[in-house]
Amino acid sequence: MVGRPRDHRATSDVLDATIAVIAEVGVARATVDAIAERAGVAKTTVYRRWATKYDLIVSALKHLDDSLDVPVTGDVVQDLTAVVRSAVGRFVDRPLGRMRLLVAAEAAVDPELRERMRLEGVLEARARRLMTDILATAADRGVLPPGFDIITAVDQISGAVVARTLANRNDFPDVFIAQLVHTSIGLTFPAPASVQGVMP
């Protein structure tokens, strides 16, 4: 019992270090030695908890996803906006977001990593799962038109955020997020006169 707080802190330090190291050098070049050094722990401490680097990556993704928690109100526009704003606030231009992008890219060419991520439920980011759930609930309530393509809408939002990030445009003003959400679900964006026709 006495050692548990220290053990918990070491686990968190290793997961934070995993995110930081992968964000800096990518999945292939990230080593357990580098992660242990960044975390300030012995390599044996890492291997006692995670048998392989893939185990460590999956745990780090779960650790990352746990940081995103957005209350759902039932208003589809408000809820989607909250998820996007929360996600970009945590992940864009930070190690967390870069780490997830690099892991996703590696999973695209590494079937073993992709399968591990799928089995552990971390193949999709939590933000994407939240948006899917919000849209599915709205569709069930009849808020969205019959046959509304939820996956395409989520792809549009996620793709726009990733594309903007990869283009090094890491500013996400409210008008951009609002227009993105409205467009993705087929609503006319009620932009104020000062920004009508302007897409940041």
Protein backbone atom coordinates (compact mmCIF):
# COMPACT_ATOMS: atom_id res chain seq x y z
CA MET A 1 0.00 0.00 0.00
CA VAL A 2 2.82 2.43 0.92
CA GLY A 3 4.48 2.13 -2.47
CA ARG A 4 1.41 2.67 -4.65
CA PRO A 5 1.49 6.50 -4.96
CA ARG A 6 5.14 6.30 -6.04
CA ASP A 7 4.33 3.48 -8.49
CA HIS A 8 1.46 5.50 -9.92
CA ARG A 9 3.71 8.54 -10.35
CA ALA A 10 6.35 6.45 -12.12
CA THR A 11 3.73 5.04 -14.47
CA SER A 12 2.45 8.50 -15.32
CA ASP A 13 6.00 9.80 -15.82
CA VAL A 14 6.81 6.96 -18.23
CA LEU A 15 3.62 7.51 -20.25
CA ASP A 16 4.28 11.25 -20.44
CA ALA A 17 7.84 10.52 -21.53
CA THR A 18 6.59 8.11 -24.19
CA ILE A 19 4.37 10.82 -25.66
CA ALA A 20 7.21 13.36 -25.60
CA VAL A 21 9.87 11.10 -27.12
CA ILE A 22 7.63 9.80 -29.92
CA ALA A 23 6.54 13.37 -30.65
CA GLU A 24 10.19 14.32 -31.09
CA VAL A 25 11.65 11.37 -33.01
CA GLY A 26 8.74 9.21 -34.21
CA VAL A 27 7.73 5.65 -33.37
CA ALA A 28 10.57 3.82 -35.13
CA ARG A 29 13.34 5.84 -33.48
CA ALA A 30 11.78 5.98 -30.03
CA THR A 31 13.59 3.54 -27.75
CA VAL A 32 12.78 2.27 -24.28
CA ASP A 33 16.19 3.57 -23.18
CA ALA A 34 15.30 7.11 -24.31
CA ILE A 35 11.86 6.92 -22.73
CA ALA A 36 13.24 5.64 -19.42
CA GLU A 37 15.88 8.38 -19.39
CA ARG A 38 13.27 11.06 -20.09
CA ALA A 39 11.06 9.69 -17.31
CA GLY A 40 13.93 9.48 -14.86
CA VAL A 41 13.45 5.76 -14.18
CA ALA A 42 15.43 2.60 -14.79
CA LYS A 43 14.75 0.65 -17.96
CA THR A 44 13.77 -2.32 -15.78
CA THR A 45 10.98 -0.17 -14.31
CA VAL A 46 9.54 0.21 -17.80
CA TYR A 47 9.80 -3.47 -18.67
CA ARG A 48 8.14 -4.49 -15.39
CA ARG A 49 5.01 -2.70 -16.57
CA TRP A 50 5.16 -3.07 -20.37
CA ALA A 51 6.66 -6.09 -22.12
CA THR A 52 7.06 -4.38 -25.52
CA LYS A 53 7.20 -0.92 -27.04
CA TYR A 54 3.78 -1.58 -28.57
CA ASP A 55 2.35 -2.17 -25.08
CA LEU A 56 3.84 1.16 -24.04
CA ILE A 57 2.41 2.99 -27.06
CA VAL A 58 -1.10 1.61 -26.46
CA SER A 59 -0.97 2.62 -22.78
CA ALA A 60 0.30 6.08 -23.72
CA LEU A 61 -2.61 6.53 -26.16
CA LYS A 62 -5.09 5.54 -23.44
CA HIS A 63 -3.36 7.95 -21.08
CA LEU A 64 -3.64 10.68 -23.72
CA ASP A 65 -7.29 9.99 -24.52
CA ASP A 66 -8.25 10.04 -20.84
CA SER A 67 -7.39 13.74 -20.77
CA LEU A 68 -10.31 14.63 -23.04
CA ASP A 69 -13.64 14.71 -21.26
CA VAL A 70 -16.42 16.93 -22.60
CA PRO A 71 -19.90 17.07 -21.02
CA VAL A 72 -22.69 16.33 -23.49
CA THR A 73 -25.72 18.65 -23.43
CA GLY A 74 -27.82 17.18 -26.25
CA ASP A 75 -27.34 20.21 -28.52
CA VAL A 76 -25.51 18.73 -31.52
CA VAL A 77 -23.85 21.98 -32.61
CA GLN A 78 -22.85 22.98 -29.10
CA ASP A 79 -21.52 19.50 -28.27
CA LEU A 80 -19.53 19.08 -31.49
CA THR A 81 -18.07 22.56 -31.04
CA ALA A 82 -17.05 21.73 -27.47
CA VAL A 83 -15.32 18.51 -28.55
CA VAL A 84 -13.41 20.18 -31.38
CA ARG A 85 -12.38 23.14 -29.23
CA SER A 86 -11.28 20.87 -26.40
CA ALA A 87 -9.36 18.55 -28.73
CA VAL A 88 -7.45 21.27 -30.55
CA GLY A 89 -6.74 23.01 -27.25
CA ARG A 90 -5.08 19.90 -25.88
CA PHE A 91 -3.45 18.36 -28.90
CA VAL A 92 -2.62 20.94 -31.58
CA ASP A 93 0.98 22.15 -31.60
CA ARG A 94 1.72 20.04 -28.53
CA PRO A 95 3.50 16.69 -28.03
CA LEU A 96 0.14 14.97 -27.48
CA GLY A 97 -1.22 15.79 -30.90
CA ARG A 98 2.05 15.22 -32.74
CA MET A 99 2.49 11.86 -31.00
CA ARG A 100 -0.96 10.67 -32.08
CA LEU A 101 -0.37 11.78 -35.66
CA LEU A 102 2.98 9.97 -35.81
CA VAL A 103 1.55 6.80 -34.27
CA ALA A 104 -1.36 6.87 -36.73
CA ALA A 105 1.10 7.23 -39.61
CA GLU A 106 3.17 4.31 -38.32
CA ALA A 107 0.06 2.14 -37.83
CA ALA A 108 -0.83 2.72 -41.49
CA VAL A 109 2.32 0.83 -42.54
CA ASP A 110 2.72 -1.49 -39.55
CA PRO A 111 -0.09 -4.10 -39.46
CA GLU A 112 0.96 -5.42 -36.04
CA LEU A 113 0.76 -2.00 -34.41
CA ARG A 114 -2.54 -1.25 -36.14
CA GLU A 115 -4.05 -4.52 -34.93
CA ARG A 116 -2.87 -3.93 -31.36
CA MET A 117 -4.42 -0.47 -31.43
CA ARG A 118 -7.66 -1.88 -32.85
CA LEU A 119 -7.89 -4.61 -30.22
CA GLU A 120 -7.22 -2.15 -27.40
CA GLY A 121 -9.78 0.35 -28.69
CA VAL A 122 -7.31 3.17 -29.35
CA LEU A 123 -7.20 3.06 -33.14
CA GLU A 124 -9.56 6.03 -33.18
CA ALA A 125 -8.93 9.11 -31.06
CA ARG A 126 -11.35 9.73 -28.21
CA ALA A 127 -12.43 13.00 -29.85
CA ARG A 128 -13.51 11.08 -32.93
CA ARG A 129 -15.47 8.58 -30.86
CA LEU A 130 -17.18 11.39 -28.95
CA MET A 131 -18.20 13.12 -32.19
CA THR A 132 -19.55 9.85 -33.59
CA ASP A 133 -21.64 9.29 -30.45
CA ILE A 134 -22.97 12.86 -30.50
CA LEU A 135 -24.04 12.57 -34.14
CA ALA A 136 -25.54 9.10 -33.64
CA THR A 137 -27.64 10.41 -30.75
CA ALA A 138 -28.78 13.39 -32.84
CA ALA A 139 -29.70 11.07 -35.71
CA ASP A 140 -31.74 8.83 -33.37
CA ARG A 141 -33.62 11.88 -32.11
CA GLY A 142 -34.45 12.99 -35.65
CA VAL A 143 -32.31 16.14 -35.42
CA LEU A 144 -30.34 15.06 -38.48
CA PRO A 145 -31.97 14.13 -41.80
CA PRO A 146 -32.64 10.45 -42.64
CA GLY A 147 -29.60 8.74 -44.10
CA PHE A 148 -27.19 11.30 -42.68
CA ASP A 149 -23.62 9.98 -43.13
CA ILE A 150 -22.09 10.21 -39.66
CA ILE A 151 -18.69 8.82 -40.65
CA THR A 152 -18.29 11.34 -43.48
CA ALA A 153 -19.19 14.21 -41.15
CA VAL A 154 -16.62 13.07 -38.58
CA ASP A 155 -14.06 12.61 -41.37
CA GLN A 156 -14.69 16.18 -42.54
CA ILE A 157 -14.09 17.61 -39.07
CA SER A 158 -11.09 15.42 -38.25
CA GLY A 159 -9.58 15.84 -41.69
CA ALA A 160 -9.85 19.63 -41.60
CA VAL A 161 -8.16 19.79 -38.19
CA VAL A 162 -5.35 17.45 -39.25
CA ALA A 163 -4.84 19.23 -42.59
CA ARG A 164 -4.66 22.61 -40.87
CA THR A 165 -2.17 21.22 -38.36
CA LEU A 166 0.05 19.64 -41.03
CA ALA A 167 0.06 22.96 -42.88
CA ASN A 168 1.46 24.54 -39.68
CA ARG A 169 -1.66 26.65 -39.26
CA ASN A 170 -2.08 25.93 -35.60
CA ASP A 171 -4.52 28.74 -34.89
CA PHE A 172 -8.10 27.57 -34.53
CA PRO A 173 -10.28 30.67 -34.08
CA ASP A 174 -13.86 30.25 -32.96
CA VAL A 175 -15.16 31.26 -36.39
CA PHE A 176 -13.21 28.42 -38.02
CA ILE A 177 -14.51 25.82 -35.58
CA ALA A 178 -18.09 27.10 -35.84
CA GLN A 179 -18.07 27.09 -39.63
CA LEU A 180 -16.47 23.63 -39.71
CA VAL A 181 -19.12 22.17 -37.39
CA HIS A 182 -22.02 23.78 -39.23
CA THR A 183 -20.74 22.70 -42.66
CA SER A 184 -20.10 19.12 -41.57
CA ILE A 185 -23.74 18.59 -40.56
CA GLY A 186 -25.23 20.49 -43.48
CA LEU A 187 -26.22 23.69 -41.70
CA THR A 188 -25.75 27.22 -43.01
CA PHE A 189 -23.16 28.98 -40.92
CA PRO A 190 -24.62 32.21 -39.50
CA ALA A 191 -21.41 34.21 -39.74
CA PRO A 192 -21.48 37.83 -38.57
CA ALA A 193 -21.18 40.50 -41.25
CA SER A 194 -17.54 41.13 -40.38
CA VAL A 195 -16.52 37.59 -41.32
CA GLN A 196 -19.06 36.62 -43.97
CA GLY A 197 -17.33 34.83 -46.81
CA VAL A 198 -14.05 34.65 -44.88
CA MET A 199 -12.50 31.29 -44.06
CA PRO A 200 -9.40 31.66 -41.86
